[in-house]
C-alpha atoms as a PDB file:
ATOM      1  CA  MET A   1      30.523 -14.432-111.393  1.00  0.00           C
ATOM      2  CA  GLY A   2      29.563 -15.409-107.913  1.00  0.00           C
ATOM      3  CA  GLU A   3      26.144 -15.144-106.464  1.00  0.00           C
ATOM      4  CA  GLU A   4      25.684 -12.740-103.620  1.00  0.00           C
ATOM      5  CA  LYS A   5      24.194 -14.331-100.554  1.00  0.00           C
ATOM      6  CA  THR A   6      22.075 -12.343 -98.170  1.00  0.00           C
ATOM      7  CA  ASP A   7      22.853 -12.849 -94.531  1.00  0.00           C
ATOM      8  CA  PRO A   8      19.644 -14.348 -92.999  1.00  0.00           C
ATOM      9  CA  SER A   9      20.294 -12.684 -89.632  1.00  0.00           C
ATOM     10  CA  LEU A  10      20.322  -9.266 -91.314  1.00  0.00           C
ATOM     11  CA  LEU A  11      16.981  -9.977 -93.009  1.00  0.00           C
ATOM     12  CA  LYS A  12      15.496 -11.191 -89.718  1.00  0.00           C
ATOM     13  CA  SER A  13      16.742  -8.057 -87.984  1.00  0.00           C
ATOM     14  CA  THR A  14      15.134  -5.789 -90.588  1.00  0.00           C
ATOM     15  CA  ARG A  15      11.756  -7.554 -90.344  1.00  0.00           C
ATOM     16  CA  ARG A  16      11.908  -7.461 -86.581  1.00  0.00           C
ATOM     17  CA  SER A  17      12.663  -3.714 -86.563  1.00  0.00           C
ATOM     18  CA  PHE A  18       9.793  -3.058 -88.955  1.00  0.00           C
ATOM     19  CA  LEU A  19       7.363  -5.048 -86.786  1.00  0.00           C
ATOM     20  CA  ASP A  20       8.608  -3.292 -83.626  1.00  0.00           C
ATOM     21  CA  ILE A  21       7.969   0.094 -85.231  1.00  0.00           C
ATOM     22  CA  LEU A  22       4.539  -0.988 -86.498  1.00  0.00           C
ATOM     23  CA  ILE A  23       3.480  -2.322 -83.088  1.00  0.00           C
ATOM     24  CA  GLY A  24       4.811   0.813 -81.377  1.00  0.00           C
ATOM     25  CA  LEU A  25       2.820   3.065 -83.703  1.00  0.00           C
ATOM     26  CA  GLY A  26      -0.303   0.972 -83.112  1.00  0.00           C
ATOM     27  CA  PHE A  27       0.003   1.318 -79.341  1.00  0.00           C
ATOM     28  CA  SER A  28       0.685   5.047 -79.686  1.00  0.00           C
ATOM     29  CA  VAL A  29      -2.476   5.593 -81.733  1.00  0.00           C
ATOM     30  CA  LEU A  30      -4.487   3.474 -79.301  1.00  0.00           C
ATOM     31  CA  GLY A  31      -3.124   5.487 -76.384  1.00  0.00           C
ATOM     32  CA  VAL A  32      -4.036   8.821 -77.966  1.00  0.00           C
ATOM     33  CA  LEU A  33      -7.540   7.617 -78.860  1.00  0.00           C
ATOM     34  CA  THR A  34      -8.047   6.326 -75.315  1.00  0.00           C
ATOM     35  CA  PHE A  35      -6.618   9.171 -73.258  1.00  0.00           C
ATOM     36  CA  TYR A  36      -7.636  12.229 -75.297  1.00  0.00           C
ATOM     37  CA  PRO A  37     -11.309  12.098 -74.202  1.00  0.00           C
ATOM     38  CA  VAL A  38     -10.235  11.509 -70.594  1.00  0.00           C
ATOM     39  CA  ILE A  39      -7.949  14.540 -70.647  1.00  0.00           C
ATOM     40  CA  ARG A  40     -10.687  16.690 -72.306  1.00  0.00           C
ATOM     41  CA  TYR A  41     -13.087  15.639 -69.543  1.00  0.00           C
ATOM     42  CA  LEU A  42     -10.675  16.338 -66.694  1.00  0.00           C
ATOM     43  CA  TRP A  43      -9.459  19.666 -68.131  1.00  0.00           C
ATOM     44  CA  PRO A  44     -12.249  21.157 -70.238  1.00  0.00           C
ATOM     45  CA  SER A  45     -11.254  23.985 -72.521  1.00  0.00           C
ATOM     46  CA  MET A  46     -11.276  27.375 -70.877  1.00  0.00           C
ATOM     47  CA  ASN A  47     -13.089  28.726 -73.930  1.00  0.00           C
ATOM     48  CA  SER A  48     -15.731  26.017 -74.269  1.00  0.00           C
ATOM     49  CA  GLY A  49     -18.528  28.553 -74.438  1.00  0.00           C
ATOM     50  CA  GLY A  50     -19.362  31.402 -76.731  1.00  0.00           C
ATOM     51  CA  THR A  51     -16.976  34.138 -77.534  1.00  0.00           C
ATOM     52  CA  LYS A  52     -17.377  37.745 -76.525  1.00  0.00           C
ATOM     53  CA  GLU A  53     -15.107  39.120 -79.238  1.00  0.00           C
ATOM     54  CA  SER A  54     -17.572  38.668 -82.071  1.00  0.00           C
ATOM     55  CA  GLY A  55     -21.301  38.955 -82.429  1.00  0.00           C
ATOM     56  CA  ILE A  56     -24.339  38.634 -84.647  1.00  0.00           C
ATOM     57  CA  THR A  57     -27.747  40.222 -85.096  1.00  0.00           C
ATOM     58  CA  ILE A  58     -31.024  38.332 -85.447  1.00  0.00           C
ATOM     59  CA  SER A  59     -34.513  39.645 -86.043  1.00  0.00           C
ATOM     60  CA  LEU A  60     -36.787  39.881 -83.000  1.00  0.00           C
ATOM     61  CA  THR A  61     -39.535  38.246 -85.059  1.00  0.00           C
ATOM     62  CA  GLU A  62     -37.392  35.080 -85.354  1.00  0.00           C
ATOM     63  CA  LEU A  63     -37.709  34.484 -81.614  1.00  0.00           C
ATOM     64  CA  SER A  64     -41.113  34.667 -79.962  1.00  0.00           C
ATOM     65  CA  THR A  65     -41.476  34.918 -76.181  1.00  0.00           C
ATOM     66  CA  GLY A  66     -40.855  31.607 -74.400  1.00  0.00           C
ATOM     67  CA  LYS A  67     -38.844  30.179 -77.309  1.00  0.00           C
ATOM     68  CA  SER A  68     -35.168  29.607 -78.015  1.00  0.00           C
ATOM     69  CA  LYS A  69     -32.907  29.439 -81.022  1.00  0.00           C
ATOM     70  CA  VAL A  70     -29.377  28.099 -81.487  1.00  0.00           C
ATOM     71  CA  VAL A  71     -27.141  30.403 -83.533  1.00  0.00           C
ATOM     72  CA  VAL A  72     -23.421  30.447 -84.276  1.00  0.00           C
ATOM     73  CA  VAL A  73     -21.365  33.268 -82.779  1.00  0.00           C
ATOM     74  CA  GLY A  74     -17.629  33.275 -83.331  1.00  0.00           C
ATOM     75  CA  GLY A  75     -17.788  29.748 -84.718  1.00  0.00           C
ATOM     76  CA  LYS A  76     -19.464  28.353 -81.587  1.00  0.00           C
ATOM     77  CA  PRO A  77     -23.097  27.417 -80.901  1.00  0.00           C
ATOM     78  CA  VAL A  78     -25.001  29.876 -78.721  1.00  0.00           C
ATOM     79  CA  ILE A  79     -28.538  29.413 -77.437  1.00  0.00           C
ATOM     80  CA  VAL A  80     -30.675  32.552 -77.405  1.00  0.00           C
ATOM     81  CA  VAL A  81     -33.751  32.488 -75.155  1.00  0.00           C
ATOM     82  CA  ARG A  82     -36.515  35.098 -75.087  1.00  0.00           C
ATOM     83  CA  THR A  83     -38.689  35.363 -71.989  1.00  0.00           C
ATOM     84  CA  GLU A  84     -41.020  38.006 -70.576  1.00  0.00           C
ATOM     85  CA  VAL A  85     -38.039  39.272 -68.572  1.00  0.00           C
ATOM     86  CA  GLY A  86     -35.719  39.725 -71.558  1.00  0.00           C
ATOM     87  CA  VAL A  87     -33.404  38.030 -74.040  1.00  0.00           C
ATOM     88  CA  PHE A  88     -30.554  35.806 -72.847  1.00  0.00           C
ATOM     89  CA  ALA A  89     -27.628  34.360 -74.819  1.00  0.00           C
ATOM     90  CA  LEU A  90     -25.489  31.569 -73.430  1.00  0.00           C
ATOM     91  CA  SER A  91     -23.042  29.046 -74.751  1.00  0.00           C
ATOM     92  CA  ALA A  92     -25.061  26.089 -76.042  1.00  0.00           C
ATOM     93  CA  VAL A  93     -22.207  23.704 -75.192  1.00  0.00           C
ATOM     94  CA  CYS A  94     -22.714  21.816 -71.914  1.00  0.00           C
ATOM     95  CA  THR A  95     -19.638  22.095 -69.710  1.00  0.00           C
ATOM     96  CA  HIS A  96     -19.852  18.391 -68.830  1.00  0.00           C
ATOM     97  CA  LEU A  97     -19.118  16.609 -72.116  1.00  0.00           C
ATOM     98  CA  GLY A  98     -19.932  19.164 -74.806  1.00  0.00           C
ATOM     99  CA  CYS A  99     -23.519  18.229 -75.681  1.00  0.00           C
ATOM    100  CA  ILE A 100     -25.819  20.973 -77.016  1.00  0.00           C
ATOM    101  CA  VAL A 101     -28.260  22.189 -74.356  1.00  0.00           C
ATOM    102  CA  LYS A 102     -31.977  22.700 -75.030  1.00  0.00           C
ATOM    103  CA  TRP A 103     -34.426  25.223 -73.569  1.00  0.00           C
ATOM    104  CA  ASP A 104     -37.237  23.780 -71.439  1.00  0.00           C
ATOM    105  CA  GLY A 105     -39.815  26.573 -71.203  1.00  0.00           C
ATOM    106  CA  SER A 106     -42.005  24.661 -68.741  1.00  0.00           C
ATOM    107  CA  LEU A 107     -39.134  24.532 -66.225  1.00  0.00           C
ATOM    108  CA  ASN A 108     -37.480  27.811 -67.304  1.00  0.00           C
ATOM    109  CA  ARG A 109     -34.156  25.974 -67.556  1.00  0.00           C
ATOM    110  CA  LEU A 110     -31.567  24.924 -70.053  1.00  0.00           C
ATOM    111  CA  ILE A 111     -31.260  21.134 -70.005  1.00  0.00           C
ATOM    112  CA  CYS A 112     -28.513  18.901 -71.364  1.00  0.00           C
ATOM    113  CA  PRO A 113     -30.357  16.029 -73.060  1.00  0.00           C
ATOM    114  CA  CYS A 114     -27.391  13.662 -72.720  1.00  0.00           C
ATOM    115  CA  HIS A 115     -26.608  13.684 -68.998  1.00  0.00           C
ATOM    116  CA  ALA A 116     -29.405  15.769 -67.405  1.00  0.00           C
ATOM    117  CA  ALA A 117     -27.329  18.759 -66.368  1.00  0.00           C
ATOM    118  CA  SER A 118     -29.499  21.842 -65.930  1.00  0.00           C
ATOM    119  CA  PHE A 119     -28.699  25.555 -65.981  1.00  0.00           C
ATOM    120  CA  ASP A 120     -30.566  28.782 -65.245  1.00  0.00           C
ATOM    121  CA  LEU A 121     -30.652  31.750 -67.632  1.00  0.00           C
ATOM    122  CA  ASN A 122     -27.514  33.182 -66.014  1.00  0.00           C
ATOM    123  CA  GLY A 123     -25.646  29.971 -66.877  1.00  0.00           C
ATOM    124  CA  ASN A 124     -25.460  28.730 -63.275  1.00  0.00           C
ATOM    125  CA  VAL A 125     -25.493  24.962 -62.750  1.00  0.00           C
ATOM    126  CA  LEU A 126     -28.760  23.874 -61.111  1.00  0.00           C
ATOM    127  CA  GLY A 127     -28.122  20.142 -61.173  1.00  0.00           C
ATOM    128  CA  GLY A 128     -26.383  17.264 -62.882  1.00  0.00           C
ATOM    129  CA  PRO A 129     -22.742  16.528 -63.598  1.00  0.00           C
ATOM    130  CA  ALA A 130     -21.720  19.835 -65.211  1.00  0.00           C
ATOM    131  CA  PRO A 131     -18.508  21.061 -63.528  1.00  0.00           C
ATOM    132  CA  LYS A 132     -18.969  24.768 -64.257  1.00  0.00           C
ATOM    133  CA  PRO A 133     -21.562  27.263 -65.513  1.00  0.00           C
ATOM    134  CA  LEU A 134     -22.318  28.118 -69.119  1.00  0.00           C
ATOM    135  CA  SER A 135     -20.655  31.285 -70.345  1.00  0.00           C
ATOM    136  CA  THR A 136     -22.979  34.160 -71.166  1.00  0.00           C
ATOM    137  CA  LEU A 137     -22.915  36.676 -73.974  1.00  0.00           C
ATOM    138  CA  SER A 138     -24.268  40.179 -73.889  1.00  0.00           C
ATOM    139  CA  THR A 139     -27.612  40.822 -75.546  1.00  0.00           C
ATOM    140  CA  LYS A 140     -29.320  44.047 -76.501  1.00  0.00           C
ATOM    141  CA  VAL A 141     -32.671  44.618 -78.156  1.00  0.00           C
ATOM    142  CA  VAL A 142     -32.537  47.523 -80.600  1.00  0.00           C
ATOM    143  CA  ARG A 143     -35.780  48.282 -82.455  1.00  0.00           C
ATOM    144  CA  ASP A 144     -36.718  44.934 -84.006  1.00  0.00           C
ATOM    145  CA  SER A 145     -33.292  43.260 -83.722  1.00  0.00           C
ATOM    146  CA  ILE A 146     -31.433  41.307 -81.078  1.00  0.00           C
ATOM    147  CA  LEU A 147     -27.710  42.069 -80.884  1.00  0.00           C
ATOM    148  CA  ILE A 148     -25.763  39.102 -79.476  1.00  0.00           C
ATOM    149  CA  GLY A 149     -22.179  39.502 -78.338  1.00  0.00           C
ATOM    150  CA  LYS A 150     -20.287  42.456 -79.749  1.00  0.00           C
ATOM    151  CA  ALA A 151     -22.536  43.040 -82.744  1.00  0.00           C
END
């Protein structure tokens, strides 16, 4: 009974193919991790704000005049601001890089704490790097409740 010999060139070829595949997969993963944020920045999602298809109701007592509250509407964060003029609901996601905006009552503006973008209560960009306004949701005060979106 003879011993079977393995051809060394075949073994080398198999190792080489395996390493080529492994290196290729590594570069592919690195490429995705590198370019995905760049693509998200250059082409932000068209639906990066709140949704108008769904809605919620919150109690008017939860939100005193001059204050804000972040709620979830349609799975997305929405900032609700109550002023002497009325109640406003806007997407809480900054259109620059997706940070959550905060209400600054002393300036009567929504401010992105990460990159200093600022917005008025209609969602318009007042300053900073934000490429487009915040989307707005409809609000309605009924008795002692605030209806946000299509509630």
